[in-house]
C-alpha atoms as a PDB file:
ATOM      1  CA  MET A   1     -10.108  12.281   2.658  1.00  0.00           C
ATOM      2  CA  PHE A   2      -7.393  14.483   4.112  1.00  0.00           C
ATOM      3  CA  VAL A   3      -4.531  11.971   4.306  1.00  0.00           C
ATOM      4  CA  ALA A   4      -2.269  14.045   6.586  1.00  0.00           C
ATOM      5  CA  LYS A   5      -4.561  13.082   9.486  1.00  0.00           C
ATOM      6  CA  TYR A   6      -3.409   9.468   9.073  1.00  0.00           C
ATOM      7  CA  PRO A   7       0.393   9.531   8.662  1.00  0.00           C
ATOM      8  CA  ASP A   8       0.778   5.882   9.715  1.00  0.00           C
ATOM      9  CA  TRP A   9      -1.237   4.783   6.672  1.00  0.00           C
ATOM     10  CA  ILE A  10      -0.004   7.099   3.889  1.00  0.00           C
ATOM     11  CA  ALA A  11       0.701   5.473   0.539  1.00  0.00           C
ATOM     12  CA  GLU A  12       2.105   7.245  -2.514  1.00  0.00           C
ATOM     13  CA  VAL A  13       2.894   6.733  -6.165  1.00  0.00           C
ATOM     14  CA  ARG A  14       5.418   8.984  -7.943  1.00  0.00           C
ATOM     15  CA  PHE A  15       5.641   9.318 -11.692  1.00  0.00           C
ATOM     16  CA  ARG A  16       8.747  10.023 -13.767  1.00  0.00           C
ATOM     17  CA  ASP A  17       7.225  13.315 -14.977  1.00  0.00           C
ATOM     18  CA  GLY A  18       7.112  14.654 -11.397  1.00  0.00           C
ATOM     19  CA  GLY A  19       3.447  13.881 -10.857  1.00  0.00           C
ATOM     20  CA  TYR A  20       2.318  11.983  -7.796  1.00  0.00           C
ATOM     21  CA  ALA A  21      -0.750  10.800  -5.923  1.00  0.00           C
ATOM     22  CA  VAL A  22      -1.122  10.257  -2.177  1.00  0.00           C
ATOM     23  CA  PHE A  23      -3.612   7.934  -0.484  1.00  0.00           C
ATOM     24  CA  ASP A  24      -4.975   7.187   2.991  1.00  0.00           C
ATOM     25  CA  GLY A  25      -3.873   3.558   2.724  1.00  0.00           C
ATOM     26  CA  PRO A  26      -2.553   0.824   0.450  1.00  0.00           C
ATOM     27  CA  LYS A  27      -6.040  -0.376  -0.541  1.00  0.00           C
ATOM     28  CA  ASP A  28      -6.833   2.855  -2.390  1.00  0.00           C
ATOM     29  CA  LEU A  29      -3.328   3.008  -3.875  1.00  0.00           C
ATOM     30  CA  ILE A  30      -3.739  -0.492  -5.320  1.00  0.00           C
ATOM     31  CA  LYS A  31      -7.178   0.383  -6.705  1.00  0.00           C
ATOM     32  CA  TYR A  32      -5.638   3.445  -8.373  1.00  0.00           C
ATOM     33  CA  LEU A  33      -2.693   1.496  -9.812  1.00  0.00           C
ATOM     34  CA  ASN A  34      -4.994  -1.164 -11.232  1.00  0.00           C
ATOM     35  CA  ASP A  35      -6.941   1.439 -13.231  1.00  0.00           C
ATOM     36  CA  LEU A  36      -4.474   4.190 -14.182  1.00  0.00           C
ATOM     37  CA  LYS A  37      -6.413   4.868 -17.374  1.00  0.00           C
ATOM     38  CA  ARG A  38      -9.366   6.015 -15.265  1.00  0.00           C
ATOM     39  CA  TYR A  39      -7.595   7.676 -12.332  1.00  0.00           C
ATOM     40  CA  ALA A  40      -4.431   9.051 -13.992  1.00  0.00           C
ATOM     41  CA  PRO A  41      -5.162   9.607 -17.675  1.00  0.00           C
ATOM     42  CA  GLY A  42      -1.968   9.790 -19.686  1.00  0.00           C
ATOM     43  CA  HIS A  43       0.045   7.760 -17.184  1.00  0.00           C
ATOM     44  CA  HIS A  44       0.983   4.102 -17.647  1.00  0.00           C
ATOM     45  CA  GLN A  45       2.629   1.506 -15.429  1.00  0.00           C
ATOM     46  CA  GLU A  46       6.006   2.179 -17.075  1.00  0.00           C
ATOM     47  CA  ASP A  47       5.701   5.851 -16.037  1.00  0.00           C
ATOM     48  CA  ILE A  48       5.856   4.936 -12.351  1.00  0.00           C
ATOM     49  CA  GLU A  49       9.081   5.961 -10.670  1.00  0.00           C
ATOM     50  CA  ALA A  50       8.327   4.766  -7.130  1.00  0.00           C
ATOM     51  CA  ILE A  51       5.586   3.387  -4.898  1.00  0.00           C
ATOM     52  CA  PHE A  52       5.654   3.861  -1.142  1.00  0.00           C
ATOM     53  CA  VAL A  53       3.585   2.375   1.669  1.00  0.00           C
ATOM     54  CA  MET A  54       4.115   2.427   5.419  1.00  0.00           C
ATOM     55  CA  ASP A  55       5.467  -0.729   7.044  1.00  0.00           C
ATOM     56  CA  TYR A  56       2.908  -1.631   9.699  1.00  0.00           C
ATOM     57  CA  TYR A  57       5.374  -2.585  12.435  1.00  0.00           C
ATOM     58  CA  GLU A  58       8.148  -0.093  11.699  1.00  0.00           C
ATOM     59  CA  VAL A  59       5.808   2.791  10.717  1.00  0.00           C
ATOM     60  CA  ARG A  60       8.184   4.011   8.031  1.00  0.00           C
ATOM     61  CA  PRO A  61       7.974   4.239   4.247  1.00  0.00           C
ATOM     62  CA  ILE A  62       8.949   1.128   2.304  1.00  0.00           C
ATOM     63  CA  ASP A  63       8.941   0.168  -1.365  1.00  0.00           C
ATOM     64  CA  GLY A  64       5.339  -0.709  -2.119  1.00  0.00           C
ATOM     65  CA  SER A  65       6.310  -2.677  -5.204  1.00  0.00           C
ATOM     66  CA  THR A  66       8.260  -5.222  -3.133  1.00  0.00           C
ATOM     67  CA  ALA A  67       6.150  -5.190   0.031  1.00  0.00           C
ATOM     68  CA  PHE A  68       4.200  -8.097   1.475  1.00  0.00           C
ATOM     69  CA  TYR A  69       0.521  -7.352   2.067  1.00  0.00           C
ATOM     70  CA  VAL A  70      -1.762  -9.094   4.564  1.00  0.00           C
ATOM     71  CA  GLU A  71      -5.498  -8.968   4.064  1.00  0.00           C
ATOM     72  CA  GLY A  72      -8.502 -10.016   6.079  1.00  0.00           C
ATOM     73  CA  SER A  73      -7.203  -9.035   9.506  1.00  0.00           C
ATOM     74  CA  ASP A  74      -9.189  -7.225  12.159  1.00  0.00           C
ATOM     75  CA  VAL A  75      -6.845  -4.210  11.889  1.00  0.00           C
ATOM     76  CA  LYS A  76      -8.671  -1.331  10.244  1.00  0.00           C
ATOM     77  CA  GLY A  77      -7.240   1.652   8.413  1.00  0.00           C
ATOM     78  CA  PRO A  78      -8.836   5.109   8.118  1.00  0.00           C
ATOM     79  CA  MET A  79     -11.406   3.770   5.643  1.00  0.00           C
ATOM     80  CA  GLY A  80     -12.047   0.369   7.209  1.00  0.00           C
ATOM     81  CA  ALA A  81     -10.661  -2.935   5.940  1.00  0.00           C
ATOM     82  CA  GLU A  82      -7.112  -2.476   4.683  1.00  0.00           C
ATOM     83  CA  PHE A  83      -4.165  -4.275   3.138  1.00  0.00           C
ATOM     84  CA  ILE A  84      -1.466  -4.286   5.833  1.00  0.00           C
ATOM     85  CA  PRO A  85       2.043  -3.784   4.354  1.00  0.00           C
ATOM     86  CA  PHE A  86       5.328  -5.227   5.579  1.00  0.00           C
ATOM     87  CA  GLU A  87       8.843  -4.927   4.251  1.00  0.00           C
ATOM     88  CA  ASN A  88       9.749  -8.513   5.001  1.00  0.00           C
ATOM     89  CA  GLU A  89       7.929 -11.786   4.692  1.00  0.00           C
ATOM     90  CA  SER A  90       8.615 -12.959   8.245  1.00  0.00           C
ATOM     91  CA  ASP A  91       6.749  -9.945   9.677  1.00  0.00           C
ATOM     92  CA  ALA A  92       3.843 -10.543   7.291  1.00  0.00           C
ATOM     93  CA  ARG A  93       3.633 -14.205   8.306  1.00  0.00           C
ATOM     94  CA  LYS A  94       3.813 -13.315  12.014  1.00  0.00           C
ATOM     95  CA  PHE A  95       1.040 -10.738  11.623  1.00  0.00           C
ATOM     96  CA  LEU A  96      -1.043 -13.209   9.617  1.00  0.00           C
ATOM     97  CA  LYS A  97      -0.763 -15.782  12.399  1.00  0.00           C
ATOM     98  CA  ASP A  98      -1.244 -13.316  15.279  1.00  0.00           C
ATOM     99  CA  THR A  99      -4.366 -11.708  13.824  1.00  0.00           C
ATOM    100  CA  ARG A 100      -5.891 -14.739  12.094  1.00  0.00           C
ATOM    101  CA  ALA A 101      -5.941 -12.782   8.855  1.00  0.00           C
ATOM    102  CA  THR A 102      -6.993 -14.609   5.717  1.00  0.00           C
ATOM    103  CA  LYS A 103      -3.863 -14.401   3.550  1.00  0.00           C
ATOM    104  CA  TYR A 104      -0.799 -12.461   2.531  1.00  0.00           C
ATOM    105  CA  SER A 105       0.578 -11.745  -0.891  1.00  0.00           C
ATOM    106  CA  ASP A 106       4.014 -11.043  -2.239  1.00  0.00           C
ATOM    107  CA  SER A 107       3.783  -7.974  -4.492  1.00  0.00           C
ATOM    108  CA  ARG A 108       6.867  -9.098  -6.401  1.00  0.00           C
ATOM    109  CA  LYS A 109       4.992 -11.989  -8.005  1.00  0.00           C
END
């Protein structure tokens, strides 16, 4: 998918060696990060310099490694069901309640 068509959903991982990967949403980024051996041979978790996702309410890049993600809402990303990222927990909880989503997770745990 051509991710530039969906700037509100862009997610990115940057590696210390200058490499990077860009995604059309957090769901695909998380899938990638959970299987680096398959998707980024030669890279390991400790090689990651930064992870970025777009805060759903603010529509700006935030640290994906400390974000709060809501799942199971009726909000769809470019590829359907999506993890909805927030910089702060209060926004994630508000979104969870407002959309009757199923749960949120704290990526720092």
